[in-house]
Amino acid sequence: MALKLVFLGRLADAAGAGEREGAAVPSIAALIAGLEPDLSAALAGPKVRIAVNGKLVADRAMFTLRDGDEVAFLPPVSGG
């Protein structure tokens, strides 16, 4: 199986699409490292939030991914 990757906001522009499939890997770090360098750099920022199957991930270093998971990348937001 694979992972479903969802990119929101400006991250969709960086990814070239709002959604894509990714290879099943065990960790968020491995997932990000396996993407193209510019996208990987954009996603690695501390202000980018990550949700897996609709739930925000508090500690991306400790989270384990499973086949079929949906991983959403949420850009930092600003308001005024």
C-alpha atoms as a PDB file:
ATOM      1  CA  MET A   1       0.000   0.000   0.000  1.00  0.00           C
ATOM      2  CA  ALA A   2       0.909   3.636   0.108  1.00  0.00           C
ATOM      3  CA  LEU A   3       0.329   6.824   2.028  1.00  0.00           C
ATOM      4  CA  LYS A   4      -2.032   9.545   0.872  1.00  0.00           C
ATOM      5  CA  LEU A   5      -0.301  12.921   1.103  1.00  0.00           C
ATOM      6  CA  VAL A   6      -2.377  16.090   1.314  1.00  0.00           C
ATOM      7  CA  PHE A   7      -0.800  19.528   0.915  1.00  0.00           C
ATOM      8  CA  LEU A   8      -2.769  22.601   1.953  1.00  0.00           C
ATOM      9  CA  GLY A   9      -2.307  26.273   1.103  1.00  0.00           C
ATOM     10  CA  ARG A  10       1.097  27.325  -0.173  1.00  0.00           C
ATOM     11  CA  LEU A  11       2.415  23.816   0.447  1.00  0.00           C
ATOM     12  CA  ALA A  12       0.199  22.582  -2.416  1.00  0.00           C
ATOM     13  CA  ASP A  13       2.036  25.028  -4.673  1.00  0.00           C
ATOM     14  CA  ALA A  14       5.396  23.703  -3.451  1.00  0.00           C
ATOM     15  CA  ALA A  15       4.238  20.107  -4.031  1.00  0.00           C
ATOM     16  CA  GLY A  16       2.785  20.857  -7.446  1.00  0.00           C
ATOM     17  CA  ALA A  17      -0.573  19.352  -6.428  1.00  0.00           C
ATOM     18  CA  GLY A  18      -2.956  19.239  -3.495  1.00  0.00           C
ATOM     19  CA  GLU A  19      -2.688  15.459  -3.172  1.00  0.00           C
ATOM     20  CA  ARG A  20      -0.373  12.649  -4.160  1.00  0.00           C
ATOM     21  CA  GLU A  21       0.560   9.149  -3.102  1.00  0.00           C
ATOM     22  CA  GLY A  22       3.761   8.390  -1.287  1.00  0.00           C
ATOM     23  CA  ALA A  23       5.590   5.194  -0.495  1.00  0.00           C
ATOM     24  CA  ALA A  24       4.736   3.575   2.812  1.00  0.00           C
ATOM     25  CA  VAL A  25       7.513   4.476   5.247  1.00  0.00           C
ATOM     26  CA  PRO A  26       7.680   4.058   9.013  1.00  0.00           C
ATOM     27  CA  SER A  27       8.176   7.670  10.078  1.00  0.00           C
ATOM     28  CA  ILE A  28       7.325  11.242   9.192  1.00  0.00           C
ATOM     29  CA  ALA A  29      11.042  12.051   8.980  1.00  0.00           C
ATOM     30  CA  ALA A  30      11.556   9.285   6.401  1.00  0.00           C
ATOM     31  CA  LEU A  31       8.526  10.495   4.449  1.00  0.00           C
ATOM     32  CA  ILE A  32       9.784  14.081   4.297  1.00  0.00           C
ATOM     33  CA  ALA A  33      13.354  12.993   3.492  1.00  0.00           C
ATOM     34  CA  GLY A  34      12.105  10.955   0.526  1.00  0.00           C
ATOM     35  CA  LEU A  35      10.485  13.941  -1.190  1.00  0.00           C
ATOM     36  CA  GLU A  36      12.188  16.305  -3.606  1.00  0.00           C
ATOM     37  CA  PRO A  37      14.655  18.648  -1.823  1.00  0.00           C
ATOM     38  CA  ASP A  38      12.699  21.918  -2.146  1.00  0.00           C
ATOM     39  CA  LEU A  39       9.471  20.342  -0.929  1.00  0.00           C
ATOM     40  CA  SER A  40      11.291  18.499   1.842  1.00  0.00           C
ATOM     41  CA  ALA A  41      12.794  21.794   3.054  1.00  0.00           C
ATOM     42  CA  ALA A  42       9.380  23.481   3.015  1.00  0.00           C
ATOM     43  CA  LEU A  43       7.774  20.667   5.024  1.00  0.00           C
ATOM     44  CA  ALA A  44      10.565  20.322   7.575  1.00  0.00           C
ATOM     45  CA  GLY A  45       9.955  23.785   9.056  1.00  0.00           C
ATOM     46  CA  PRO A  46       8.868  23.857  12.702  1.00  0.00           C
ATOM     47  CA  LYS A  47       5.747  25.919  11.923  1.00  0.00           C
ATOM     48  CA  VAL A  48       4.337  23.364   9.461  1.00  0.00           C
ATOM     49  CA  ARG A  49       1.731  21.269  11.270  1.00  0.00           C
ATOM     50  CA  ILE A  50       1.098  17.640  10.364  1.00  0.00           C
ATOM     51  CA  ALA A  51      -2.114  15.693  10.752  1.00  0.00           C
ATOM     52  CA  VAL A  52      -2.393  11.935  10.309  1.00  0.00           C
ATOM     53  CA  ASN A  53      -5.859  10.570   9.625  1.00  0.00           C
ATOM     54  CA  GLY A  54      -7.363  13.899  10.696  1.00  0.00           C
ATOM     55  CA  LYS A  55      -5.547  14.237  14.016  1.00  0.00           C
ATOM     56  CA  LEU A  56      -2.720  16.690  14.634  1.00  0.00           C
ATOM     57  CA  VAL A  57       0.604  15.085  15.458  1.00  0.00           C
ATOM     58  CA  ALA A  58       2.150  16.563  18.600  1.00  0.00           C
ATOM     59  CA  ASP A  59       5.599  14.959  18.265  1.00  0.00           C
ATOM     60  CA  ARG A  60       6.503  14.066  14.697  1.00  0.00           C
ATOM     61  CA  ALA A  61       9.730  12.360  15.799  1.00  0.00           C
ATOM     62  CA  MET A  62       7.833   9.793  17.869  1.00  0.00           C
ATOM     63  CA  PHE A  63       4.951   9.108  15.464  1.00  0.00           C
ATOM     64  CA  THR A  64       4.801   5.847  13.498  1.00  0.00           C
ATOM     65  CA  LEU A  65       3.062   5.750  10.111  1.00  0.00           C
ATOM     66  CA  ARG A  66       1.102   2.779   8.771  1.00  0.00           C
ATOM     67  CA  ASP A  67       0.121   1.720   5.274  1.00  0.00           C
ATOM     68  CA  GLY A  68      -2.959   3.591   4.114  1.00  0.00           C
ATOM     69  CA  ASP A  69      -2.530   6.583   6.444  1.00  0.00           C
ATOM     70  CA  GLU A  70      -3.498  10.030   5.203  1.00  0.00           C
ATOM     71  CA  VAL A  71      -0.810  12.574   6.040  1.00  0.00           C
ATOM     72  CA  ALA A  72      -1.814  16.230   5.725  1.00  0.00           C
ATOM     73  CA  PHE A  73       0.673  19.091   5.780  1.00  0.00           C
ATOM     74  CA  LEU A  74      -0.747  22.371   7.056  1.00  0.00           C
ATOM     75  CA  PRO A  75       1.136  25.617   6.406  1.00  0.00           C
ATOM     76  CA  PRO A  76       1.611  28.244   9.089  1.00  0.00           C
ATOM     77  CA  VAL A  77      -1.293  30.647   9.187  1.00  0.00           C
ATOM     78  CA  SER A  78      -1.305  34.304   9.949  1.00  0.00           C
ATOM     79  CA  GLY A  79      -4.174  36.503  10.786  1.00  0.00           C
ATOM     80  CA  GLY A  80      -4.804  40.099  11.321  1.00  0.00           C
END
